[in-house]
Structure formats: C-alpha cells, structure tokens
Amino acid sequence: MTAIGKSLHLPVGSMPLAEGEKRWGVELGRLALASNSRIRAKRARALGWKPHRPSVFDVLAELK
C-alpha cells in the first residue's frame, strides 16, 4: 500500500499494532489493516477468481 499511497501523494507510514487498535478497534486495527495477506492476481485468476468490486485504485481515487 505504500506505493499506492505515494503514487496518490498521500501520507504513508507504519504504526505499532496497539496504536492501530486504539484508533480503529481490534477488528479493523488488527484483523484488517495488520494482516499481511498477499496474493498474485495471475494465480488467483488461474484458480477461477474474478474481481467483483472496484479496485483499490478506484476506491482511493474517489477519496480525492
């Protein structure tokens, strides 16, 4: 996400897990933002996955 934030000229950085939980709660701070889920689109599509929601770039563009 750092590359995405930088390309959109948004501030990027990291914070301790405890601070993320304090700001956004355990659900978002730990389970969503602190997860390190990686996937390659090429491999996912080979397994039959198809996108059905806007891309992260579309969502971030709407925030501007």
N, C-alpha and C. Protein backbone atom coordinates (compact mmCIF):
# COMPACT_ATOMS: atom_id res chain seq x y z
N MET A 1 0.81 -1.19 0.00
CA MET A 1 0.00 0.00 0.00
C MET A 1 0.86 1.26 0.00
N THR A 2 2.10 1.13 0.40
CA THR A 2 2.98 2.30 0.41
C THR A 2 3.11 2.88 -0.99
N ALA A 3 3.30 2.03 -1.98
CA ALA A 3 3.45 2.51 -3.36
C ALA A 3 2.18 3.20 -3.83
N ILE A 4 1.03 2.66 -3.46
CA ILE A 4 -0.24 3.27 -3.85
C ILE A 4 -0.39 4.64 -3.20
N GLY A 5 -0.13 4.72 -1.90
CA GLY A 5 -0.22 5.99 -1.20
C GLY A 5 0.71 7.04 -1.77
N LYS A 6 1.94 6.63 -2.03
CA LYS A 6 2.90 7.57 -2.59
C LYS A 6 2.49 8.03 -3.98
N SER A 7 1.97 7.11 -4.79
CA SER A 7 1.56 7.49 -6.15
C SER A 7 0.39 8.47 -6.13
N LEU A 8 -0.40 8.44 -5.07
CA LEU A 8 -1.53 9.36 -4.92
C LEU A 8 -1.19 10.56 -4.05
N HIS A 9 0.09 10.67 -3.69
CA HIS A 9 0.59 11.78 -2.86
C HIS A 9 -0.13 11.83 -1.51
N LEU A 10 -0.31 10.65 -0.91
CA LEU A 10 -0.92 10.55 0.42
C LEU A 10 0.15 10.19 1.43
N PRO A 11 -0.01 10.60 2.69
CA PRO A 11 0.99 10.24 3.69
C PRO A 11 0.96 8.73 3.94
N VAL A 12 2.12 8.12 4.05
CA VAL A 12 2.23 6.68 4.32
C VAL A 12 3.19 6.46 5.47
N GLY A 13 3.04 5.37 6.13
CA GLY A 13 3.94 5.04 7.23
C GLY A 13 3.43 3.82 7.96
N SER A 14 4.06 3.54 9.08
CA SER A 14 3.64 2.41 9.89
C SER A 14 3.40 2.89 11.31
N MET A 15 2.73 2.05 12.09
CA MET A 15 2.49 2.37 13.50
C MET A 15 2.43 1.07 14.28
N PRO A 16 2.67 1.13 15.56
CA PRO A 16 2.57 -0.08 16.37
C PRO A 16 1.13 -0.62 16.36
N LEU A 17 1.01 -1.93 16.49
CA LEU A 17 -0.30 -2.58 16.48
C LEU A 17 -1.23 -1.99 17.54
N ALA A 18 -0.70 -1.75 18.73
CA ALA A 18 -1.52 -1.21 19.82
C ALA A 18 -2.14 0.14 19.45
N GLU A 19 -1.38 0.97 18.74
CA GLU A 19 -1.91 2.28 18.33
C GLU A 19 -3.02 2.11 17.29
N GLY A 20 -2.83 1.18 16.36
CA GLY A 20 -3.86 0.90 15.37
C GLY A 20 -5.14 0.40 16.01
N GLU A 21 -5.00 -0.48 17.00
CA GLU A 21 -6.18 -0.97 17.72
C GLU A 21 -6.87 0.15 18.49
N LYS A 22 -6.08 1.03 19.06
CA LYS A 22 -6.65 2.14 19.83
C LYS A 22 -7.41 3.10 18.90
N ARG A 23 -6.87 3.35 17.72
CA ARG A 23 -7.51 4.27 16.78
C ARG A 23 -8.75 3.67 16.12
N TRP A 24 -8.63 2.40 15.68
CA TRP A 24 -9.69 1.84 14.84
C TRP A 24 -10.36 0.61 15.43
N GLY A 25 -9.97 0.18 16.64
CA GLY A 25 -10.55 -1.01 17.24
C GLY A 25 -9.83 -2.26 16.77
N VAL A 26 -10.09 -3.36 17.47
CA VAL A 26 -9.40 -4.61 17.17
C VAL A 26 -9.76 -5.12 15.78
N GLU A 27 -11.04 -5.03 15.42
CA GLU A 27 -11.47 -5.59 14.14
C GLU A 27 -10.72 -4.97 12.98
N LEU A 28 -10.68 -3.66 12.89
CA LEU A 28 -10.00 -3.01 11.78
C LEU A 28 -8.50 -2.92 12.03
N GLY A 29 -8.12 -2.50 13.22
CA GLY A 29 -6.71 -2.29 13.53
C GLY A 29 -5.86 -3.54 13.46
N ARG A 30 -6.40 -4.66 13.91
CA ARG A 30 -5.61 -5.90 13.93
C ARG A 30 -5.97 -6.84 12.79
N LEU A 31 -7.25 -7.08 12.64
CA LEU A 31 -7.66 -8.12 11.71
C LEU A 31 -7.65 -7.68 10.25
N ALA A 32 -7.83 -6.41 9.99
CA ALA A 32 -7.85 -5.95 8.60
C ALA A 32 -6.54 -5.28 8.20
N LEU A 33 -6.19 -4.22 8.90
CA LEU A 33 -5.02 -3.44 8.50
C LEU A 33 -3.70 -4.11 8.84
N ALA A 34 -3.66 -4.92 9.88
CA ALA A 34 -2.40 -5.54 10.28
C ALA A 34 -2.18 -6.89 9.62
N SER A 35 -3.14 -7.34 8.85
CA SER A 35 -2.93 -8.62 8.17
C SER A 35 -1.94 -8.44 7.03
N ASN A 36 -1.24 -9.47 6.72
CA ASN A 36 -0.26 -9.41 5.65
C ASN A 36 -0.67 -10.43 4.59
N SER A 37 -1.83 -10.22 4.04
CA SER A 37 -2.37 -11.14 3.06
C SER A 37 -1.84 -10.77 1.68
N ARG A 38 -1.15 -11.71 1.08
CA ARG A 38 -0.59 -11.46 -0.25
C ARG A 38 -1.16 -12.47 -1.23
N ILE A 39 -1.44 -11.99 -2.41
CA ILE A 39 -1.93 -12.87 -3.45
C ILE A 39 -1.49 -12.29 -4.79
N ARG A 40 -1.26 -13.13 -5.72
CA ARG A 40 -0.92 -12.70 -7.07
C ARG A 40 -2.17 -12.85 -7.94
N ALA A 41 -2.53 -11.78 -8.61
CA ALA A 41 -3.75 -11.78 -9.43
C ALA A 41 -3.70 -12.88 -10.48
N LYS A 42 -2.54 -13.08 -11.08
CA LYS A 42 -2.41 -14.10 -12.12
C LYS A 42 -2.76 -15.49 -11.58
N ARG A 43 -2.24 -15.79 -10.39
CA ARG A 43 -2.51 -17.09 -9.78
C ARG A 43 -3.97 -17.21 -9.36
N ALA A 44 -4.51 -16.15 -8.79
CA ALA A 44 -5.91 -16.18 -8.35
C ALA A 44 -6.85 -16.40 -9.54
N ARG A 45 -6.58 -15.71 -10.62
CA ARG A 45 -7.42 -15.88 -11.82
C ARG A 45 -7.28 -17.29 -12.39
N ALA A 46 -6.10 -17.85 -12.30
CA ALA A 46 -5.88 -19.23 -12.77
C ALA A 46 -6.72 -20.21 -11.95
N LEU A 47 -7.01 -19.84 -10.70
CA LEU A 47 -7.84 -20.69 -9.84
C LEU A 47 -9.33 -20.38 -9.99
N GLY A 48 -9.66 -19.44 -10.87
CA GLY A 48 -11.07 -19.14 -11.12
C GLY A 48 -11.60 -17.88 -10.47
N TRP A 49 -10.75 -17.16 -9.74
CA TRP A 49 -11.21 -15.93 -9.08
C TRP A 49 -11.45 -14.85 -10.12
N LYS A 50 -12.53 -14.09 -9.92
CA LYS A 50 -12.83 -12.95 -10.77
C LYS A 50 -13.18 -11.75 -9.89
N PRO A 51 -12.64 -10.58 -10.19
CA PRO A 51 -12.97 -9.40 -9.38
C PRO A 51 -14.44 -9.05 -9.51
N HIS A 52 -15.04 -8.65 -8.40
CA HIS A 52 -16.45 -8.26 -8.44
C HIS A 52 -16.72 -6.94 -7.71
N ARG A 53 -15.67 -6.28 -7.33
CA ARG A 53 -15.79 -4.98 -6.66
C ARG A 53 -14.79 -4.01 -7.28
N PRO A 54 -14.92 -2.71 -6.99
CA PRO A 54 -13.95 -1.74 -7.53
C PRO A 54 -12.54 -2.04 -7.03
N SER A 55 -11.55 -1.70 -7.83
CA SER A 55 -10.17 -1.91 -7.42
C SER A 55 -9.80 -0.91 -6.32
N VAL A 56 -8.72 -1.18 -5.63
CA VAL A 56 -8.24 -0.27 -4.58
C VAL A 56 -7.91 1.09 -5.19
N PHE A 57 -7.44 1.10 -6.43
CA PHE A 57 -7.15 2.38 -7.10
C PHE A 57 -8.43 3.18 -7.33
N ASP A 58 -9.52 2.52 -7.70
CA ASP A 58 -10.80 3.20 -7.89
C ASP A 58 -11.30 3.79 -6.59
N VAL A 59 -11.20 3.02 -5.52
CA VAL A 59 -11.67 3.48 -4.21
C VAL A 59 -10.85 4.67 -3.74
N LEU A 60 -9.53 4.59 -3.86
CA LEU A 60 -8.68 5.71 -3.43
C LEU A 60 -8.90 6.95 -4.29
N ALA A 61 -9.17 6.77 -5.58
CA ALA A 61 -9.42 7.91 -6.46
C ALA A 61 -10.68 8.66 -6.02
N GLU A 62 -11.67 7.95 -5.51
CA GLU A 62 -12.91 8.57 -5.04
C GLU A 62 -12.69 9.39 -3.78
N LEU A 63 -11.64 9.12 -3.03
CA LEU A 63 -11.38 9.83 -1.77
C LEU A 63 -10.82 11.23 -2.02
N LYS A 64 -10.30 11.46 -3.20
CA LYS A 64 -9.68 12.76 -3.51
C LYS A 64 -10.71 13.85 -3.63
